[in-house]
Protein backbone atom coordinates (compact mmCIF):
# COMPACT_ATOMS: atom_id res chain seq x y z
CA MET A 1 166.91 49.64 216.23
CA SER A 2 170.03 51.19 214.74
CA GLU A 3 170.49 54.95 214.90
CA HIS A 4 170.63 55.09 211.10
CA ARG A 5 168.01 52.57 209.95
CA SER A 6 164.66 51.05 210.70
CA THR A 7 164.43 47.51 212.04
CA GLU A 8 163.17 46.11 208.75
CA LEU A 9 164.50 47.16 205.34
CA ASN A 10 163.08 44.62 202.88
CA GLU A 11 160.36 46.82 201.39
CA LEU A 12 162.60 49.88 201.22
CA PHE A 13 165.36 48.10 199.33
CA ALA A 14 162.90 46.35 197.03
CA ALA A 15 161.54 49.78 196.09
CA LEU A 16 165.00 51.35 195.85
CA SER A 17 166.26 48.64 193.51
CA LYS A 18 163.33 49.33 191.17
CA ALA A 19 163.90 53.07 191.39
CA GLN A 20 167.59 52.73 190.57
CA GLU A 21 166.68 50.94 187.34
CA GLU A 22 164.97 54.17 186.27
CA ILE A 23 167.19 56.85 187.82
CA ARG A 24 168.92 58.80 185.09
CA CYS A 25 172.54 59.91 185.05
CA ALA A 26 172.61 63.45 186.50
CA HIS A 27 173.46 66.04 183.85
CA LYS A 28 176.77 67.80 184.51
CA ASP A 29 175.85 71.44 184.00
CA ALA A 30 178.13 73.19 186.53
CA SER A 31 181.82 73.98 186.00
CA ASN A 32 184.68 73.51 188.45
CA PRO A 33 187.66 75.66 187.34
CA PHE A 34 190.08 74.01 189.76
CA PHE A 35 189.61 70.52 188.34
CA LYS A 36 188.84 71.89 184.85
CA SER A 37 185.78 69.67 184.77
CA LYS A 38 182.00 69.73 184.98
CA TYR A 39 179.78 68.26 187.66
CA ALA A 40 176.08 67.79 188.39
CA ASN A 41 174.77 70.36 190.87
CA LEU A 42 172.16 69.61 193.54
CA GLN A 43 169.23 70.54 191.28
CA MET A 44 170.36 68.15 188.55
CA VAL A 45 170.92 65.34 191.04
CA ILE A 46 167.40 65.75 192.44
CA GLU A 47 165.77 66.06 189.01
CA ALA A 48 167.56 62.91 187.81
CA SER A 49 166.19 60.83 190.67
CA ARG A 50 162.93 62.28 192.04
CA PRO A 51 160.51 60.84 189.41
CA ALA A 52 161.82 57.29 189.96
CA LEU A 53 161.79 57.69 193.74
CA CYS A 54 158.22 59.03 193.82
CA LYS A 55 157.02 56.30 191.46
CA ASN A 56 158.30 53.70 193.92
CA ASN A 57 156.98 55.40 197.07
CA LEU A 58 160.38 56.68 198.18
CA ALA A 59 161.23 60.14 199.49
CA VAL A 60 164.35 61.97 200.66
CA SER A 61 164.40 64.46 203.52
CA GLN A 62 167.40 66.56 204.62
CA GLN A 63 167.56 68.49 207.89
CA LEU A 64 170.10 70.51 209.87
CA ILE A 65 170.13 69.41 213.51
CA THR A 66 172.28 70.74 216.35
CA GLU A 67 173.54 68.29 218.97
CA ASN A 68 176.00 69.16 221.74
CA ASN A 69 176.83 72.47 220.04
CA LEU A 70 177.68 70.66 216.78
CA THR A 71 175.57 70.92 213.62
CA TYR A 72 174.88 67.89 211.46
CA LEU A 73 173.20 67.34 208.12
CA TYR A 74 170.79 64.43 208.40
CA THR A 75 169.72 62.81 205.13
CA LEU A 76 166.87 60.31 205.35
CA LEU A 77 165.57 57.99 202.63
CA GLY A 78 162.12 56.75 203.57
CA HIS A 79 159.58 54.34 202.11
CA SER A 80 155.77 54.47 202.38
CA SER A 81 155.95 51.31 204.51
CA GLY A 82 157.66 53.31 207.23
CA GLN A 83 161.07 51.74 206.62
CA TRP A 84 164.02 54.12 206.35
CA ILE A 85 167.79 54.60 206.28
CA SER A 86 169.71 57.77 207.08
CA SER A 87 173.17 59.33 207.08
CA LYS A 88 174.70 61.92 209.41
CA ALA A 89 177.37 64.40 208.29
CA LEU A 90 179.12 66.84 210.60
CA LEU A 91 179.14 70.39 209.22
CA SER A 92 182.36 72.33 209.82
CA PRO A 93 182.50 75.32 207.44
CA VAL A 94 185.58 77.53 207.40
CA LYS A 95 183.50 80.70 207.20
CA THR A 96 180.01 81.24 208.58
CA ASP A 97 178.66 84.30 206.78
CA VAL A 98 175.33 83.61 205.09
CA GLN A 99 176.66 83.34 201.52
CA SER A 100 179.57 81.02 202.35
CA LEU A 101 177.46 78.89 204.68
CA GLY A 102 174.77 78.49 202.02
CA SER A 103 177.35 77.34 199.48
CA TYR A 104 178.85 74.86 201.94
CA ILE A 105 175.49 73.36 202.94
CA THR A 106 174.47 72.95 199.29
CA TYR A 107 177.79 71.20 198.63
CA MET A 108 177.21 68.77 201.52
CA ARG A 109 173.57 68.18 200.59
CA ARG A 110 174.56 67.20 197.05
CA TYR A 111 177.05 64.57 198.20
CA SER A 112 174.81 63.16 200.93
CA TYR A 113 171.78 62.99 198.64
CA SER A 114 173.74 61.34 195.83
CA ALA A 115 175.22 58.76 198.19
CA ILE A 116 171.99 57.64 199.85
CA VAL A 117 170.01 57.42 196.58
CA GLY A 118 172.78 56.14 194.31
CA VAL A 119 172.80 58.96 191.76
CA TYR A 120 175.91 59.42 189.64
CA ASP A 121 176.98 61.98 187.07
CA GLY A 122 178.82 59.69 184.69
CA GLU A 123 182.26 60.94 185.67
CA GLU A 124 185.05 58.43 185.05
CA ASP A 125 186.49 56.83 188.21
CA ASP A 126 190.27 57.14 188.09
CA ASP A 127 190.83 55.50 191.51
CA GLY A 128 192.14 58.81 192.84
CA ASP A 129 195.02 59.11 190.36
CA LYS A 130 194.03 62.62 189.31
CA ALA A 131 193.76 63.77 192.92
CA VAL A 132 197.56 63.86 193.34
CA PRO A 133 199.02 65.88 190.45
CA GLU A 134 202.63 65.78 189.38
CA PRO A 135 204.59 69.06 189.45
CA LYS A 136 203.92 70.99 186.25
CA LYS A 137 206.62 72.46 184.06
CA GLU A 138 205.52 76.00 184.72
CA TYR A 139 206.27 75.47 188.42
CA THR A 140 209.73 73.90 188.10
CA ALA A 141 211.23 76.99 189.76
CA TYR A 142 209.66 75.75 192.98
CA LYS A 143 211.25 72.97 194.99
CA PRO A 144 208.81 70.01 194.95
CA ASP A 145 209.01 69.37 198.70
CA LYS A 146 209.06 72.97 199.92
CA LEU A 147 205.97 73.87 201.95
CA ILE A 148 203.61 76.74 201.21
CA SER A 149 204.98 80.19 201.99
CA SER A 150 203.31 82.63 204.39
CA GLN A 151 202.50 84.97 201.50
CA GLN A 152 200.85 82.17 199.52
CA LEU A 153 198.87 81.11 202.59
CA VAL A 154 197.47 84.61 203.06
CA ILE A 155 196.35 84.76 199.42
CA ILE A 156 194.66 81.35 199.55
CA VAL A 157 192.85 82.16 202.79
CA LYS A 158 191.41 85.26 201.09
CA LEU A 159 190.26 83.12 198.16
CA ILE A 160 188.54 80.71 200.54
CA GLN A 161 186.81 83.55 202.36
CA SER A 162 185.20 84.60 199.10
CA ASP A 163 184.05 81.08 198.19
CA ILE A 164 183.95 78.11 200.60
CA ALA A 165 183.93 75.66 197.67
CA VAL A 166 187.58 76.59 197.02
CA TYR A 167 188.55 75.02 200.35
CA ASN A 168 186.64 71.82 199.58
CA ASP A 169 188.37 71.57 196.19
CA ILE A 170 191.83 72.04 197.72
CA ILE A 171 191.55 69.38 200.42
CA THR A 172 189.97 66.94 197.96
CA LYS A 173 192.50 67.39 195.16
CA PHE A 174 195.67 67.49 197.24
CA LYS A 175 194.52 65.19 200.07
CA VAL A 176 195.56 67.52 202.88
CA LYS A 177 193.90 68.13 206.25
CA GLU A 178 194.96 71.77 206.49
CA LEU A 179 196.39 74.43 204.19
CA ARG A 180 199.83 74.43 205.84
CA GLU A 181 200.42 70.91 204.47
CA LEU A 182 200.36 72.21 200.90
CA LYS A 183 203.56 72.35 198.88
CA GLU A 184 204.77 75.64 197.40
CA TRP A 185 204.08 74.57 193.81
CA GLN A 186 200.58 73.36 194.76
CA ALA A 187 199.81 76.72 196.34
CA GLU A 188 200.98 78.50 193.18
CA GLU A 189 198.66 76.33 191.08
CA ILE A 190 195.71 77.17 193.34
CA ILE A 191 196.44 80.89 193.21
CA GLY A 192 196.88 80.80 189.44
CA THR A 193 193.57 79.01 188.93
CA TYR A 194 191.34 81.18 191.10
CA ASN A 195 193.01 84.50 190.35
CA ASP A 196 192.48 83.99 186.61
CA PRO A 197 189.60 86.32 185.64
CA LYS A 198 188.83 84.09 182.64
CA GLN A 199 187.87 81.20 184.91
CA SER A 200 184.23 80.90 185.92
CA LYS A 201 183.13 80.58 189.51
CA LEU A 202 181.96 77.29 190.95
């Protein structure tokens, strides 16, 4: 038996295929100021799929499990027959205070749940084109290849400490593994977005 699936899967996938015919597109009711877009939060993702899953004897369970001093989010999709599939995501939050950790776990639960069930929010797939922005005119004073300054880094770290979702947005949009890989103009865009009092929180 595989670590992430039962031996047999025929009944589970037969039920899942029927459920996916009925699963609705998750309503995008939450705003992301960094991408200037809306997305479906965890509640909307669950509400869009739970009736169809229950109707077809399917259920989703998510648990936090610690192994070898590392914490993982396990997401399991099970069928009444006893067949199941699961995913395992390593949790590595930047900040571990209760508020930031809660935001991070909710963020990871949403993506893991959506992936295992097949829920989508109707957002157009641009094949990653929008994830690598071109330098904007308002930042032409910055050299395109110059790396983030120490002062910018300090400001961004403070922004992340107040909201872990900021970090997730940054690494997703600019495809970097750490903040020091950011360019100066990218850092200025981040600071401008999250320091704007008119922008709503994630």
